[in-house]
N, C-alpha and C. Protein backbone atom coordinates (compact mmCIF):
# COMPACT_ATOMS: atom_id res chain seq x y z
N MET A 1 179.45 72.38 -91.17
CA MET A 1 179.96 72.35 -89.81
C MET A 1 178.72 72.66 -89.06
N GLU A 2 177.58 73.17 -89.09
CA GLU A 2 176.76 73.79 -88.16
C GLU A 2 175.78 72.15 -88.29
N THR A 3 176.41 71.51 -89.16
CA THR A 3 175.05 69.57 -89.66
C THR A 3 175.82 69.01 -88.99
N VAL A 4 176.63 68.78 -88.06
CA VAL A 4 177.82 67.92 -87.69
C VAL A 4 177.52 68.43 -86.53
N GLY A 5 177.43 69.91 -85.89
CA GLY A 5 177.06 69.87 -84.37
C GLY A 5 175.83 69.72 -84.04
N ASN A 6 174.77 70.07 -84.74
CA ASN A 6 173.49 69.55 -84.77
C ASN A 6 173.58 68.11 -84.10
N PHE A 7 173.97 67.90 -86.06
CA PHE A 7 173.78 65.70 -85.69
C PHE A 7 175.03 65.51 -84.05
N CYS A 8 175.74 66.09 -83.08
CA CYS A 8 176.69 65.71 -81.89
C CYS A 8 175.64 66.29 -80.94
N ASP A 9 174.56 67.80 -81.14
CA ASP A 9 173.63 67.77 -80.23
C ASP A 9 172.64 66.80 -79.85
N SER A 10 171.83 66.49 -81.21
CA SER A 10 170.89 65.73 -80.83
C SER A 10 171.04 64.00 -80.61
N SER A 11 172.77 63.97 -81.18
CA SER A 11 173.42 62.59 -80.29
C SER A 11 173.68 62.65 -79.18
N LYS A 12 174.24 63.91 -78.15
CA LYS A 12 174.02 63.74 -76.82
C LYS A 12 172.96 63.57 -76.10
N SER A 13 171.73 64.21 -76.72
CA SER A 13 170.33 64.36 -75.96
C SER A 13 170.08 62.48 -75.78
N THR A 14 169.79 62.22 -77.32
CA THR A 14 169.27 61.01 -77.11
C THR A 14 170.06 59.76 -76.80
N PHE A 15 171.49 59.90 -76.01
CA PHE A 15 171.76 59.42 -75.11
C PHE A 15 172.09 59.07 -74.18
N GLY A 16 171.85 60.49 -73.59
CA GLY A 16 171.10 61.52 -72.11
C GLY A 16 170.09 60.04 -71.61
N LYS A 17 168.67 60.85 -72.78
CA LYS A 17 167.76 60.23 -72.47
C LYS A 17 167.36 58.48 -72.56
N ILE A 18 168.44 57.94 -73.55
CA ILE A 18 168.37 55.90 -72.83
C ILE A 18 169.65 55.32 -72.16
N ALA A 19 170.59 57.03 -71.48
CA ALA A 19 170.99 56.63 -70.51
C ALA A 19 170.41 56.66 -68.84
N GLU A 20 169.03 57.63 -68.94
CA GLU A 20 168.32 57.88 -68.22
C GLU A 20 166.43 56.76 -67.91
N THR A 21 166.65 56.12 -69.03
CA THR A 21 166.07 55.48 -69.32
C THR A 21 166.14 53.94 -68.44
N MET A 22 167.49 53.63 -69.50
CA MET A 22 168.37 52.61 -68.86
C MET A 22 168.63 52.37 -67.45
N GLY A 23 169.13 53.61 -66.39
CA GLY A 23 169.07 54.04 -65.38
C GLY A 23 167.33 53.80 -64.72
N ASN A 24 166.24 53.69 -65.24
CA ASN A 24 165.27 53.95 -64.24
C ASN A 24 164.83 52.31 -64.55
N ILE A 25 165.23 51.82 -65.46
CA ILE A 25 164.87 50.35 -65.76
C ILE A 25 165.50 49.48 -64.41
N SER A 26 166.75 49.45 -64.62
CA SER A 26 168.45 49.36 -62.96
C SER A 26 167.65 48.73 -61.75
N ASN A 27 166.98 50.55 -61.82
CA ASN A 27 166.19 50.56 -60.60
C ASN A 27 164.84 49.49 -60.48
N ARG A 28 164.15 50.23 -61.31
CA ARG A 28 162.71 48.79 -61.33
C ARG A 28 163.13 47.29 -60.66
N VAL A 29 164.22 46.91 -61.77
CA VAL A 29 164.99 45.73 -61.99
C VAL A 29 165.68 45.11 -60.17
N GLY A 30 166.53 46.61 -59.64
CA GLY A 30 166.93 45.69 -58.51
C GLY A 30 165.59 46.31 -57.29
N SER A 31 164.82 47.14 -57.79
CA SER A 31 164.10 46.96 -56.15
C SER A 31 162.75 45.71 -56.30
N GLU A 32 162.37 45.31 -57.30
CA GLU A 32 161.58 43.49 -58.05
C GLU A 32 162.34 42.75 -56.91
N PHE A 33 164.18 42.81 -57.30
CA PHE A 33 164.50 41.55 -57.04
C PHE A 33 164.88 41.57 -54.92
N ASP A 34 164.74 43.16 -54.99
CA ASP A 34 164.32 42.81 -53.51
C ASP A 34 163.74 42.79 -53.01
N ASN A 35 162.48 43.03 -53.98
CA ASN A 35 161.01 42.91 -53.17
C ASN A 35 160.55 40.97 -52.89
N ARG A 36 161.46 40.25 -53.95
CA ARG A 36 161.51 38.71 -54.24
C ARG A 36 162.28 37.95 -53.09
N GLN A 37 163.52 38.86 -52.72
CA GLN A 37 164.00 37.96 -51.36
C GLN A 37 163.14 38.16 -49.99
N ARG A 38 162.98 39.36 -49.97
CA ARG A 38 161.26 39.06 -48.97
C ARG A 38 160.65 39.14 -48.78
N ARG A 39 159.86 38.61 -50.36
CA ARG A 39 159.27 37.33 -50.26
C ARG A 39 159.09 36.07 -50.13
N ASP A 40 160.75 35.72 -50.01
CA ASP A 40 160.89 34.60 -49.95
C ASP A 40 161.66 34.21 -48.60
N GLN A 41 161.67 35.78 -47.18
CA GLN A 41 161.99 35.50 -46.15
C GLN A 41 161.03 36.09 -45.53
N VAL A 42 159.27 35.84 -45.74
CA VAL A 42 158.27 36.11 -44.55
C VAL A 42 157.86 34.57 -44.49
N TYR A 43 158.06 33.69 -44.72
CA TYR A 43 156.10 32.31 -44.38
C TYR A 43 157.88 32.27 -43.15
N ASP A 44 159.29 32.15 -43.27
CA ASP A 44 160.57 31.52 -42.47
C ASP A 44 160.20 32.59 -41.33
N SER A 45 160.26 33.97 -41.55
CA SER A 45 160.25 34.80 -40.42
C SER A 45 158.67 34.50 -39.54
N LEU A 46 157.75 34.28 -40.40
CA LEU A 46 156.73 33.84 -38.99
C LEU A 46 156.34 32.53 -38.59
N SER A 47 157.52 31.98 -39.37
CA SER A 47 157.79 30.57 -39.05
C SER A 47 158.14 30.35 -37.19
N GLU A 48 158.73 31.98 -37.37
CA GLU A 48 159.35 31.89 -35.72
C GLU A 48 158.10 32.53 -34.76
N MET A 49 156.46 32.75 -34.81
CA MET A 49 155.80 33.61 -34.13
C MET A 49 155.15 32.05 -33.67
N ASP A 50 155.70 31.49 -32.66
CA ASP A 50 154.40 30.18 -32.33
C ASP A 50 153.39 30.43 -32.04
N PHE A 51 152.41 31.52 -31.87
CA PHE A 51 151.32 31.33 -31.31
C PHE A 51 150.18 31.35 -32.95
N MET A 52 150.85 31.35 -34.47
CA MET A 52 149.60 31.29 -35.53
C MET A 52 149.60 30.12 -35.83
N SER A 53 148.75 29.00 -36.47
CA SER A 53 148.49 27.75 -37.41
C SER A 53 149.40 27.93 -38.60
N VAL A 54 149.92 26.88 -39.31
CA VAL A 54 150.54 26.65 -40.39
C VAL A 54 149.42 27.41 -41.20
N GLU A 55 148.03 27.34 -40.95
CA GLU A 55 147.01 28.30 -42.03
C GLU A 55 146.79 29.91 -41.90
N ALA A 56 146.80 30.26 -40.75
CA ALA A 56 147.37 31.34 -40.66
C ALA A 56 148.56 32.52 -40.93
N ARG A 57 149.96 31.11 -41.11
CA ARG A 57 150.96 32.01 -41.36
C ARG A 57 150.60 32.25 -42.49
N VAL A 58 150.05 30.84 -43.85
CA VAL A 58 150.18 31.64 -44.92
C VAL A 58 148.94 32.68 -45.52
N ALA A 59 148.34 32.49 -45.10
CA ALA A 59 147.08 33.69 -44.88
C ALA A 59 147.71 35.36 -45.28
N ILE A 60 148.87 35.23 -43.81
CA ILE A 60 149.81 36.56 -43.43
C ILE A 60 150.61 36.46 -44.82
N ALA A 61 151.49 35.02 -44.95
CA ALA A 61 152.32 35.64 -45.95
C ALA A 61 152.14 35.67 -47.30
N GLN A 62 150.78 35.47 -47.31
CA GLN A 62 149.85 35.94 -49.19
C GLN A 62 149.91 37.44 -48.67
N TYR A 63 149.32 37.76 -47.83
CA TYR A 63 149.13 38.97 -47.90
C TYR A 63 149.83 39.94 -47.95
N LEU A 64 151.23 40.03 -46.90
CA LEU A 64 152.17 40.22 -47.02
C LEU A 64 153.14 40.27 -48.66
N CYS A 65 153.07 39.22 -49.19
CA CYS A 65 153.22 39.51 -50.44
C CYS A 65 152.85 40.13 -51.59
N ASN A 66 151.70 40.23 -51.60
CA ASN A 66 150.49 40.89 -52.10
C ASN A 66 150.81 43.04 -51.92
N ASN A 67 150.97 43.50 -50.36
CA ASN A 67 151.11 44.48 -50.20
C ASN A 67 152.62 44.58 -49.87
N THR A 68 153.86 45.44 -50.34
CA THR A 68 155.04 45.31 -49.97
C THR A 68 155.02 46.41 -49.44
N LYS A 69 154.39 47.10 -49.11
CA LYS A 69 153.92 48.84 -48.32
C LYS A 69 154.20 47.95 -46.81
N ASP A 70 153.35 47.19 -46.80
CA ASP A 70 152.89 46.68 -45.06
C ASP A 70 154.02 45.21 -45.44
N MET A 71 155.13 44.80 -46.09
CA MET A 71 155.66 44.23 -45.47
C MET A 71 156.80 44.44 -45.33
N ASN A 72 157.37 45.76 -46.18
CA ASN A 72 158.81 46.82 -45.78
C ASN A 72 158.57 46.96 -44.55
N LEU A 73 157.51 47.29 -43.81
CA LEU A 73 156.84 47.59 -42.78
C LEU A 73 157.58 46.88 -42.20
N PHE A 74 157.12 45.96 -42.37
CA PHE A 74 156.81 44.23 -40.67
C PHE A 74 158.50 43.56 -40.33
N PHE A 75 159.38 43.97 -42.21
CA PHE A 75 160.53 43.61 -41.69
C PHE A 75 161.62 45.10 -41.54
N SER A 76 161.03 45.45 -41.43
CA SER A 76 161.69 47.58 -40.37
C SER A 76 161.38 47.22 -39.30
N LEU A 77 160.07 46.06 -38.67
CA LEU A 77 160.25 46.50 -36.90
C LEU A 77 160.93 45.35 -36.12
N PRO A 78 160.84 45.81 -34.89
CA PRO A 78 161.42 44.57 -33.49
C PRO A 78 160.73 43.82 -33.97
N GLY A 79 161.13 42.75 -33.51
CA GLY A 79 160.46 41.22 -32.60
C GLY A 79 158.61 41.35 -31.82
N GLU A 80 158.72 42.11 -30.83
CA GLU A 80 157.61 41.51 -30.16
C GLU A 80 156.80 43.02 -31.49
N ALA A 81 157.12 44.18 -31.77
CA ALA A 81 156.27 44.77 -32.95
C ALA A 81 155.96 44.33 -34.12
N LYS A 82 156.67 43.23 -34.31
CA LYS A 82 155.83 42.22 -35.48
C LYS A 82 155.34 41.61 -35.10
N SER A 83 155.15 41.75 -33.73
CA SER A 83 153.90 40.13 -32.94
C SER A 83 152.58 41.11 -33.33
N VAL A 84 153.29 42.14 -32.74
CA VAL A 84 151.33 42.84 -32.60
C VAL A 84 151.36 43.23 -33.64
N PHE A 85 152.02 43.56 -34.50
CA PHE A 85 151.67 44.23 -36.38
C PHE A 85 150.89 42.66 -36.93
N ILE A 86 151.76 41.11 -36.50
CA ILE A 86 150.61 40.36 -37.47
C ILE A 86 149.25 40.41 -36.59
N THR A 87 149.45 40.40 -35.29
CA THR A 87 148.40 39.94 -34.95
C THR A 87 147.24 40.79 -35.51
N ASN A 88 147.56 42.34 -35.41
CA ASN A 88 146.43 43.38 -36.56
C ASN A 88 146.04 42.99 -37.39
N ILE A 89 147.39 42.31 -38.26
CA ILE A 89 146.89 42.00 -39.48
C ILE A 89 145.41 40.87 -39.61
N MET A 90 146.44 40.23 -38.76
CA MET A 90 144.71 38.41 -38.29
C MET A 90 143.92 39.04 -38.41
N ARG A 91 143.33 40.20 -37.44
CA ARG A 91 142.49 40.45 -36.75
C ARG A 91 141.43 41.36 -37.93
N ASN A 92 142.12 42.13 -38.72
CA ASN A 92 141.62 41.84 -39.58
C ASN A 92 140.93 41.41 -41.23
N LEU A 93 142.24 40.90 -41.22
CA LEU A 93 141.49 39.46 -42.38
C LEU A 93 140.72 38.82 -41.62
N SER A 94 140.55 38.59 -40.61
CA SER A 94 139.17 37.18 -40.34
C SER A 94 138.10 38.69 -40.22
N GLN A 95 137.60 39.91 -40.22
CA GLN A 95 136.54 40.81 -40.01
C GLN A 95 136.01 40.76 -41.71
N CYS A 96 137.16 40.50 -42.65
CA CYS A 96 136.50 40.20 -43.84
C CYS A 96 135.37 39.36 -44.28
């Protein structure tokens, strides 16, 4: 009987770890899906800003897609703040 109890305890622990791992994988996949959707929206959002050339839009889109934190900040800002944010990025990129 003790052996069955040990097996059950061991199985419970193993299944708990598997469930936790699956939850972590699911969160990462969901996060990557969200980031992909945002990457798809970047150029469209930048196209609404008339002050940039196509070359600048592509450079900024590439920058934002490679820098998830900045991309998330970009999408969280209201209209005028987005323009200021993009202008600052353009200024920083031109200094490189």
